[in-house]
Protein backbone atom coordinates (compact mmCIF):
# COMPACT_ATOMS: atom_id res chain seq x y z
CA MET A 1 0.49 0.15 0.27
CA SER A 2 1.79 3.29 -0.95
CA THR A 3 1.68 6.43 1.21
CA VAL A 4 -1.31 8.85 1.02
CA ILE A 5 -0.05 12.54 -0.05
CA LEU A 6 -2.11 15.19 2.28
CA GLU A 7 -1.04 18.53 0.63
CA SER A 8 -1.86 19.70 -2.47
CA VAL A 9 -1.27 23.14 -4.08
CA LEU A 10 -4.60 24.22 -5.46
CA THR A 11 -3.79 26.72 -8.35
CA CYS A 12 -6.83 29.04 -9.51
CA PRO A 13 -7.76 29.09 -12.70
CA HIS A 14 -8.99 31.95 -12.96
CA CYS A 15 -5.99 34.89 -11.47
CA GLY A 16 -3.64 31.21 -11.27
CA HIS A 17 -2.81 32.44 -7.55
CA ALA A 18 -1.10 28.80 -6.05
CA GLN A 19 -2.42 28.08 -2.03
CA LYS A 20 -1.03 24.57 -0.67
CA GLU A 21 -3.83 23.05 1.28
CA THR A 22 -4.21 19.72 3.42
CA MET A 23 -6.63 17.47 2.03
CA PRO A 24 -9.33 16.08 4.18
CA THR A 25 -9.39 12.52 4.86
CA ASP A 26 -13.50 12.04 5.58
CA ALA A 27 -14.88 14.19 3.26
CA CYS A 28 -15.01 15.76 -0.22
CA GLN A 29 -14.40 19.28 -0.34
CA PHE A 30 -16.68 20.46 -3.39
CA TYR A 31 -16.32 24.81 -2.95
CA TYR A 32 -12.80 26.11 -2.55
CA GLU A 33 -12.38 30.79 -2.50
CA CYS A 34 -8.89 31.68 -3.94
CA PRO A 35 -7.82 33.63 -0.80
CA ALA A 36 -6.08 36.08 -4.34
CA CYS A 37 -9.03 36.58 -6.01
CA HIS A 38 -11.88 35.22 -4.46
CA THR A 39 -13.31 32.97 -7.15
CA LEU A 40 -15.46 29.96 -5.79
CA LEU A 41 -14.20 27.10 -7.52
CA ARG A 42 -16.63 24.27 -8.15
CA PRO A 43 -15.40 20.98 -9.06
CA LYS A 44 -14.88 19.90 -12.94
CA PRO A 45 -17.83 17.99 -14.46
CA GLY A 46 -16.23 14.45 -14.27
CA ASP A 47 -14.60 15.48 -10.78
CA CYS A 48 -15.16 14.58 -7.50
CA CYS A 49 -13.60 17.62 -5.94
CA VAL A 50 -11.67 20.67 -6.10
CA PHE A 51 -8.31 19.39 -5.14
CA CYS A 52 -9.31 16.51 -7.93
CA SER A 53 -9.59 19.59 -10.77
CA PHE A 54 -7.81 22.26 -9.58
CA GLY A 55 -5.23 20.79 -7.35
CA SER A 56 -1.26 19.64 -7.41
CA VAL A 57 -2.30 15.72 -6.09
CA PRO A 58 -5.76 14.26 -6.02
CA CYS A 59 -7.95 13.71 -2.92
CA PRO A 60 -7.01 10.60 -0.43
CA PRO A 61 -10.01 8.43 -1.56
CA ILE A 62 -8.76 9.03 -5.18
CA GLN A 63 -5.48 8.24 -4.61
CA GLN A 64 -6.21 5.02 -2.52
CA GLN A 65 -8.82 4.21 -5.41
CA ARG A 66 -11.91 3.84 -3.24
CA GLY A 67 -13.83 6.42 -5.38
CA CYS A 68 -14.24 9.41 -4.52
CA CYS A 69 -17.31 10.61 -1.97
CA GLY A 70 -19.69 11.80 -5.44
């Protein structure tokens, strides 16, 4: 079993701001407000959370191939 990475860098598609965040292990994060431009990010169609859409690392359930909350 591989190690699960709990930190991901979210990059805002609107302004390009990148912010390191710790991912929740027990829930999906559907919304994230960019701290720079205050745009509310939502998952892209087909993705389960903002980390899978805009993060440098997919969320823990996807890393563990368990599927996600969606």
